[in-house]
Amino acid sequence: MSACKDCYWAKRSDIGNPLKRHCIAKRKDLEETEAMKSLMAGKLVNTSDPACEMFKPKGKGVDKRDMDA
């Protein structure tokens, strides 16, 4: 499964399945598609959310062990 991009990784989540990774979306300056309209800056987003694919990789500071395989 692909990882959510350009986000702050949540070390733990109190929403739903704690084994699933979530990220906090960092920006919303891309084209306003239907997926982007549902994504707000600072919102916790499941890594399986299609909108996550619209974000650029965060780069440094992302622990690959925290990403879904």
PDB file of N, CA and C in Angstrom:
ATOM      1  N   MET A   1       0.850  -1.188   0.000  1.00  0.00           N
ATOM      2  CA  MET A   1       0.000   0.000   0.000  1.00  0.00           C
ATOM      3  C   MET A   1       0.887   1.240   0.000  1.00  0.00           C
ATOM      4  N   SER A   2       0.535   2.208  -0.772  1.00  0.00           N
ATOM      5  CA  SER A   2       1.338   3.423  -0.836  1.00  0.00           C
ATOM      6  C   SER A   2       1.119   4.253   0.424  1.00  0.00           C
ATOM      7  N   ALA A   3       2.120   5.034   0.729  1.00  0.00           N
ATOM      8  CA  ALA A   3       2.047   5.867   1.926  1.00  0.00           C
ATOM      9  C   ALA A   3       1.453   7.218   1.593  1.00  0.00           C
ATOM     10  N   CYS A   4       0.854   7.830   2.578  1.00  0.00           N
ATOM     11  CA  CYS A   4       0.345   9.182   2.409  1.00  0.00           C
ATOM     12  C   CYS A   4       1.546  10.107   2.264  1.00  0.00           C
ATOM     13  N   LYS A   5       1.438  11.091   1.385  1.00  0.00           N
ATOM     14  CA  LYS A   5       2.578  11.948   1.086  1.00  0.00           C
ATOM     15  C   LYS A   5       2.442  13.347   1.675  1.00  0.00           C
ATOM     16  N   ASP A   6       3.608  13.964   1.883  1.00  0.00           N
ATOM     17  CA  ASP A   6       3.698  15.323   2.428  1.00  0.00           C
ATOM     18  C   ASP A   6       2.814  15.502   3.651  1.00  0.00           C
ATOM     19  N   CYS A   7       3.097  14.746   4.677  1.00  0.00           N
ATOM     20  CA  CYS A   7       2.267  14.806   5.868  1.00  0.00           C
ATOM     21  C   CYS A   7       3.117  14.630   7.108  1.00  0.00           C
ATOM     22  N   TYR A   8       2.536  14.929   8.226  1.00  0.00           N
ATOM     23  CA  TYR A   8       3.156  14.640   9.507  1.00  0.00           C
ATOM     24  C   TYR A   8       2.622  13.275   9.921  1.00  0.00           C
ATOM     25  N   TRP A   9       3.506  12.328  10.179  1.00  0.00           N
ATOM     26  CA  TRP A   9       3.026  11.002  10.567  1.00  0.00           C
ATOM     27  C   TRP A   9       2.578  11.009  12.024  1.00  0.00           C
ATOM     28  N   ALA A  10       1.404  10.485  12.249  1.00  0.00           N
ATOM     29  CA  ALA A  10       0.894  10.381  13.612  1.00  0.00           C
ATOM     30  C   ALA A  10       1.562   9.168  14.252  1.00  0.00           C
ATOM     31  N   LYS A  11       2.150   9.344  15.421  1.00  0.00           N
ATOM     32  CA  LYS A  11       2.827   8.229  16.078  1.00  0.00           C
ATOM     33  C   LYS A  11       1.821   7.196  16.550  1.00  0.00           C
ATOM     34  N   ARG A  12       0.644   7.652  16.893  1.00  0.00           N
ATOM     35  CA  ARG A  12      -0.414   6.718  17.258  1.00  0.00           C
ATOM     36  C   ARG A  12      -1.747   7.359  16.944  1.00  0.00           C
ATOM     37  N   SER A  13      -2.735   6.547  16.750  1.00  0.00           N
ATOM     38  CA  SER A  13      -4.046   7.073  16.382  1.00  0.00           C
ATOM     39  C   SER A  13      -5.092   6.528  17.326  1.00  0.00           C
ATOM     40  N   ASP A  14      -5.972   7.401  17.766  1.00  0.00           N
ATOM     41  CA  ASP A  14      -7.064   6.977  18.638  1.00  0.00           C
ATOM     42  C   ASP A  14      -8.339   6.765  17.838  1.00  0.00           C
ATOM     43  N   ILE A  15      -8.207   6.797  16.515  1.00  0.00           N
ATOM     44  CA  ILE A  15      -9.381   6.646  15.651  1.00  0.00           C
ATOM     45  C   ILE A  15      -9.343   5.293  14.961  1.00  0.00           C
ATOM     46  N   GLY A  16     -10.369   4.515  15.130  1.00  0.00           N
ATOM     47  CA  GLY A  16     -10.473   3.235  14.416  1.00  0.00           C
ATOM     48  C   GLY A  16      -9.393   2.241  14.800  1.00  0.00           C
ATOM     49  N   ASN A  17      -8.884   1.531  13.812  1.00  0.00           N
ATOM     50  CA  ASN A  17      -7.885   0.493  14.016  1.00  0.00           C
ATOM     51  C   ASN A  17      -6.526   1.124  14.318  1.00  0.00           C
ATOM     52  N   PRO A  18      -5.978   0.931  15.524  1.00  0.00           N
ATOM     53  CA  PRO A  18      -4.702   1.554  15.877  1.00  0.00           C
ATOM     54  C   PRO A  18      -3.527   1.035  15.061  1.00  0.00           C
ATOM     55  N   LEU A  19      -3.711  -0.084  14.356  1.00  0.00           N
ATOM     56  CA  LEU A  19      -2.645  -0.629  13.529  1.00  0.00           C
ATOM     57  C   LEU A  19      -2.534   0.098  12.198  1.00  0.00           C
ATOM     58  N   LYS A  20      -3.577   0.816  11.827  1.00  0.00           N
ATOM     59  CA  LYS A  20      -3.547   1.569  10.573  1.00  0.00           C
ATOM     60  C   LYS A  20      -2.873   2.906  10.802  1.00  0.00           C
ATOM     61  N   ARG A  21      -2.044   3.308   9.849  1.00  0.00           N
ATOM     62  CA  ARG A  21      -1.335   4.577   9.963  1.00  0.00           C
ATOM     63  C   ARG A  21      -2.216   5.715   9.475  1.00  0.00           C
ATOM     64  N   HIS A  22      -2.076   6.854  10.087  1.00  0.00           N
ATOM     65  CA  HIS A  22      -2.780   8.057   9.663  1.00  0.00           C
ATOM     66  C   HIS A  22      -1.746   9.152   9.473  1.00  0.00           C
ATOM     67  N   CYS A  23      -2.090  10.141   8.721  1.00  0.00           N
ATOM     68  CA  CYS A  23      -1.193  11.283   8.589  1.00  0.00           C
ATOM     69  C   CYS A  23      -2.008  12.554   8.700  1.00  0.00           C
ATOM     70  N   ILE A  24      -1.314  13.638   9.003  1.00  0.00           N
ATOM     71  CA  ILE A  24      -1.974  14.934   9.087  1.00  0.00           C
ATOM     72  C   ILE A  24      -1.587  15.699   7.834  1.00  0.00           C
ATOM     73  N   ALA A  25      -2.557  15.986   7.000  1.00  0.00           N
ATOM     74  CA  ALA A  25      -2.295  16.679   5.740  1.00  0.00           C
ATOM     75  C   ALA A  25      -1.684  18.040   6.008  1.00  0.00           C
ATOM     76  N   LYS A  26      -0.656  18.388   5.243  1.00  0.00           N
ATOM     77  CA  LYS A  26       0.097  19.601   5.499  1.00  0.00           C
ATOM     78  C   LYS A  26      -0.366  20.778   4.656  1.00  0.00           C
ATOM     79  N   ARG A  27      -0.864  20.543   3.476  1.00  0.00           N
ATOM     80  CA  ARG A  27      -1.236  21.649   2.603  1.00  0.00           C
ATOM     81  C   ARG A  27      -2.423  21.320   1.722  1.00  0.00           C
ATOM     82  N   LYS A  28      -3.034  22.329   1.195  1.00  0.00           N
ATOM     83  CA  LYS A  28      -4.181  22.149   0.313  1.00  0.00           C
ATOM     84  C   LYS A  28      -4.102  23.218  -0.770  1.00  0.00           C
ATOM     85  N   ASP A  29      -2.985  23.208  -1.500  1.00  0.00           N
ATOM     86  CA  ASP A  29      -2.781  24.227  -2.517  1.00  0.00           C
ATOM     87  C   ASP A  29      -2.793  23.631  -3.920  1.00  0.00           C
ATOM     88  N   LEU A  30      -3.310  22.429  -4.041  1.00  0.00           N
ATOM     89  CA  LEU A  30      -3.372  21.778  -5.345  1.00  0.00           C
ATOM     90  C   LEU A  30      -4.751  21.966  -5.964  1.00  0.00           C
ATOM     91  N   GLU A  31      -4.895  21.456  -7.164  1.00  0.00           N
ATOM     92  CA  GLU A  31      -6.162  21.572  -7.887  1.00  0.00           C
ATOM     93  C   GLU A  31      -7.317  21.052  -7.038  1.00  0.00           C
ATOM     94  N   GLU A  32      -8.427  21.768  -7.026  1.00  0.00           N
ATOM     95  CA  GLU A  32      -9.564  21.359  -6.196  1.00  0.00           C
ATOM     96  C   GLU A  32     -10.385  20.271  -6.874  1.00  0.00           C
ATOM     97  N   THR A  33      -9.973  19.044  -6.660  1.00  0.00           N
ATOM     98  CA  THR A  33     -10.730  17.910  -7.169  1.00  0.00           C
ATOM     99  C   THR A  33     -11.702  17.487  -6.071  1.00  0.00           C
ATOM    100  N   GLU A  34     -12.536  16.535  -6.374  1.00  0.00           N
ATOM    101  CA  GLU A  34     -13.500  16.062  -5.373  1.00  0.00           C
ATOM    102  C   GLU A  34     -12.783  15.524  -4.141  1.00  0.00           C
ATOM    103  N   ALA A  35     -11.666  14.822  -4.372  1.00  0.00           N
ATOM    104  CA  ALA A  35     -10.913  14.266  -3.253  1.00  0.00           C
ATOM    105  C   ALA A  35     -10.290  15.377  -2.413  1.00  0.00           C
ATOM    106  N   MET A  36      -9.784  16.418  -3.076  1.00  0.00           N
ATOM    107  CA  MET A  36      -9.136  17.499  -2.342  1.00  0.00           C
ATOM    108  C   MET A  36     -10.134  18.308  -1.524  1.00  0.00           C
ATOM    109  N   LYS A  37     -11.361  18.426  -1.999  1.00  0.00           N
ATOM    110  CA  LYS A  37     -12.368  19.185  -1.258  1.00  0.00           C
ATOM    111  C   LYS A  37     -12.650  18.554   0.100  1.00  0.00           C
ATOM    112  N   SER A  38     -12.453  17.233   0.189  1.00  0.00           N
ATOM    113  CA  SER A  38     -12.717  16.541   1.446  1.00  0.00           C
ATOM    114  C   SER A  38     -11.490  16.538   2.353  1.00  0.00           C
ATOM    115  N   LEU A  39     -10.379  17.069   1.847  1.00  0.00           N
ATOM    116  CA  LEU A  39      -9.135  17.053   2.601  1.00  0.00           C
ATOM    117  C   LEU A  39      -8.788  18.458   3.074  1.00  0.00           C
ATOM    118  N   MET A  40      -8.726  18.656   4.380  1.00  0.00           N
ATOM    119  CA  MET A  40      -8.427  19.976   4.928  1.00  0.00           C
ATOM    120  C   MET A  40      -7.070  19.947   5.618  1.00  0.00           C
ATOM    121  N   ALA A  41      -6.359  21.050   5.579  1.00  0.00           N
ATOM    122  CA  ALA A  41      -5.054  21.120   6.244  1.00  0.00           C
ATOM    123  C   ALA A  41      -5.208  20.803   7.726  1.00  0.00           C
ATOM    124  N   GLY A  42      -4.364  19.931   8.229  1.00  0.00           N
ATOM    125  CA  GLY A  42      -4.412  19.562   9.633  1.00  0.00           C
ATOM    126  C   GLY A  42      -5.356  18.418   9.938  1.00  0.00           C
ATOM    127  N   LYS A  43      -6.071  17.933   8.934  1.00  0.00           N
ATOM    128  CA  LYS A  43      -7.025  16.840   9.142  1.00  0.00           C
ATOM    129  C   LYS A  43      -6.295  15.501   9.161  1.00  0.00           C
ATOM    130  N   LEU A  44      -6.686  14.624  10.053  1.00  0.00           N
ATOM    131  CA  LEU A  44      -6.133  13.274  10.059  1.00  0.00           C
ATOM    132  C   LEU A  44      -6.714  12.518   8.880  1.00  0.00           C
ATOM    133  N   VAL A  45      -5.840  11.923   8.090  1.00  0.00           N
ATOM    134  CA  VAL A  45      -6.276  11.215   6.895  1.00  0.00           C
ATOM    135  C   VAL A  45      -5.704   9.806   6.911  1.00  0.00           C
ATOM    136  N   ASN A  46      -6.523   8.816   6.634  1.00  0.00           N
ATOM    137  CA  ASN A  46      -6.049   7.447   6.550  1.00  0.00           C
ATOM    138  C   ASN A  46      -5.139   7.320   5.341  1.00  0.00           C
ATOM    139  N   THR A  47      -4.071   6.553   5.451  1.00  0.00           N
ATOM    140  CA  THR A  47      -3.127   6.418   4.344  1.00  0.00           C
ATOM    141  C   THR A  47      -3.756   5.792   3.114  1.00  0.00           C
ATOM    142  N   SER A  48      -4.891   5.143   3.249  1.00  0.00           N
ATOM    143  CA  SER A  48      -5.551   4.540   2.091  1.00  0.00           C
ATOM    144  C   SER A  48      -6.444   5.539   1.369  1.00  0.00           C
ATOM    145  N   ASP A  49      -6.578   6.767   1.909  1.00  0.00           N
ATOM    146  CA  ASP A  49      -7.409   7.792   1.281  1.00  0.00           C
ATOM    147  C   ASP A  49      -6.816   8.189  -0.066  1.00  0.00           C
ATOM    148  N   PRO A  50      -7.605   8.167  -1.147  1.00  0.00           N
ATOM    149  CA  PRO A  50      -7.100   8.528  -2.479  1.00  0.00           C
ATOM    150  C   PRO A  50      -6.486   9.921  -2.523  1.00  0.00           C
ATOM    151  N   ALA A  51      -6.947  10.825  -1.700  1.00  0.00           N
ATOM    152  CA  ALA A  51      -6.424  12.191  -1.697  1.00  0.00           C
ATOM    153  C   ALA A  51      -4.961  12.230  -1.278  1.00  0.00           C
ATOM    154  N   CYS A  52      -4.514  11.239  -0.541  1.00  0.00           N
ATOM    155  CA  CYS A  52      -3.123  11.216  -0.094  1.00  0.00           C
ATOM    156  C   CYS A  52      -2.156  11.155  -1.264  1.00  0.00           C
ATOM    157  N   GLU A  53      -2.588  10.567  -2.371  1.00  0.00           N
ATOM    158  CA  GLU A  53      -1.721  10.438  -3.535  1.00  0.00           C
ATOM    159  C   GLU A  53      -1.388  11.785  -4.157  1.00  0.00           C
ATOM    160  N   MET A  54      -2.119  12.834  -3.813  1.00  0.00           N
ATOM    161  CA  MET A  54      -1.903  14.142  -4.418  1.00  0.00           C
ATOM    162  C   MET A  54      -0.830  14.951  -3.711  1.00  0.00           C
ATOM    163  N   PHE A  55      -0.277  14.419  -2.637  1.00  0.00           N
ATOM    164  CA  PHE A  55       0.728  15.146  -1.883  1.00  0.00           C
ATOM    165  C   PHE A  55       2.126  14.669  -2.219  1.00  0.00           C
ATOM    166  N   LYS A  56       3.078  15.597  -2.211  1.00  0.00           N
ATOM    167  CA  LYS A  56       4.469  15.264  -2.502  1.00  0.00           C
ATOM    168  C   LYS A  56       5.079  14.574  -1.289  1.00  0.00           C
ATOM    169  N   PRO A  57       6.118  13.754  -1.506  1.00  0.00           N
ATOM    170  CA  PRO A  57       6.764  13.065  -0.379  1.00  0.00           C
ATOM    171  C   PRO A  57       7.330  14.057   0.629  1.00  0.00           C
ATOM    172  N   LYS A  58       7.180  13.735   1.902  1.00  0.00           N
ATOM    173  CA  LYS A  58       7.679  14.603   2.963  1.00  0.00           C
ATOM    174  C   LYS A  58       9.197  14.573   3.011  1.00  0.00           C
ATOM    175  N   GLY A  59       9.789  13.410   2.780  1.00  0.00           N
ATOM    176  CA  GLY A  59      11.254  13.314   2.776  1.00  0.00           C
ATOM    177  C   GLY A  59      11.796  12.997   4.153  1.00  0.00           C
ATOM    178  N   LYS A  60      12.734  13.824   4.625  1.00  0.00           N
ATOM    179  CA  LYS A  60      13.385  13.585   5.914  1.00  0.00           C
ATOM    180  C   LYS A  60      12.363  13.552   7.043  1.00  0.00           C
ATOM    181  N   GLY A  61      12.656  12.716   8.030  1.00  0.00           N
ATOM    182  CA  GLY A  61      11.801  12.657   9.204  1.00  0.00           C
ATOM    183  C   GLY A  61      10.717  11.600   9.115  1.00  0.00           C
ATOM    184  N   VAL A  62      10.584  10.963   7.951  1.00  0.00           N
ATOM    185  CA  VAL A  62       9.574   9.917   7.813  1.00  0.00           C
ATOM    186  C   VAL A  62      10.222   8.589   8.162  1.00  0.00           C
ATOM    187  N   ASP A  63       9.710   7.950   9.165  1.00  0.00           N
ATOM    188  CA  ASP A  63      10.228   6.653   9.568  1.00  0.00           C
ATOM    189  C   ASP A  63       9.559   5.600   8.710  1.00  0.00           C
ATOM    190  N   LYS A  64      10.330   4.947   7.840  1.00  0.00           N
ATOM    191  CA  LYS A  64       9.759   3.966   6.916  1.00  0.00           C
ATOM    192  C   LYS A  64       9.118   2.798   7.653  1.00  0.00           C
ATOM    193  N   ARG A  65       9.540   2.563   8.899  1.00  0.00           N
ATOM    194  CA  ARG A  65       8.918   1.488   9.676  1.00  0.00           C
ATOM    195  C   ARG A  65       7.484   1.827  10.038  1.00  0.00           C
ATOM    196  N   ASP A  66       7.150   3.127  10.009  1.00  0.00           N
ATOM    197  CA  ASP A  66       5.793   3.544  10.339  1.00  0.00           C
ATOM    198  C   ASP A  66       4.858   3.494   9.140  1.00  0.00           C
ATOM    199  N   MET A  67       5.408   3.232   7.959  1.00  0.00           N
ATOM    200  CA  MET A  67       4.569   3.207   6.757  1.00  0.00           C
ATOM    201  C   MET A  67       3.990   1.820   6.543  1.00  0.00           C
ATOM    202  N   ASP A  68       2.837   1.770   5.902  1.00  0.00           N
ATOM    203  CA  ASP A  68       2.223   0.486   5.578  1.00  0.00           C
ATOM    204  C   ASP A  68       3.080  -0.213   4.541  1.00  0.00           C
ATOM    205  N   ALA A  69       3.188  -1.532   4.656  1.00  0.00           N
ATOM    206  CA  ALA A  69       3.992  -2.298   3.696  1.00  0.00           C
ATOM    207  C   ALA A  69       3.229  -2.523   2.414  1.00  0.00           C
TER     208      ALA A  69
END
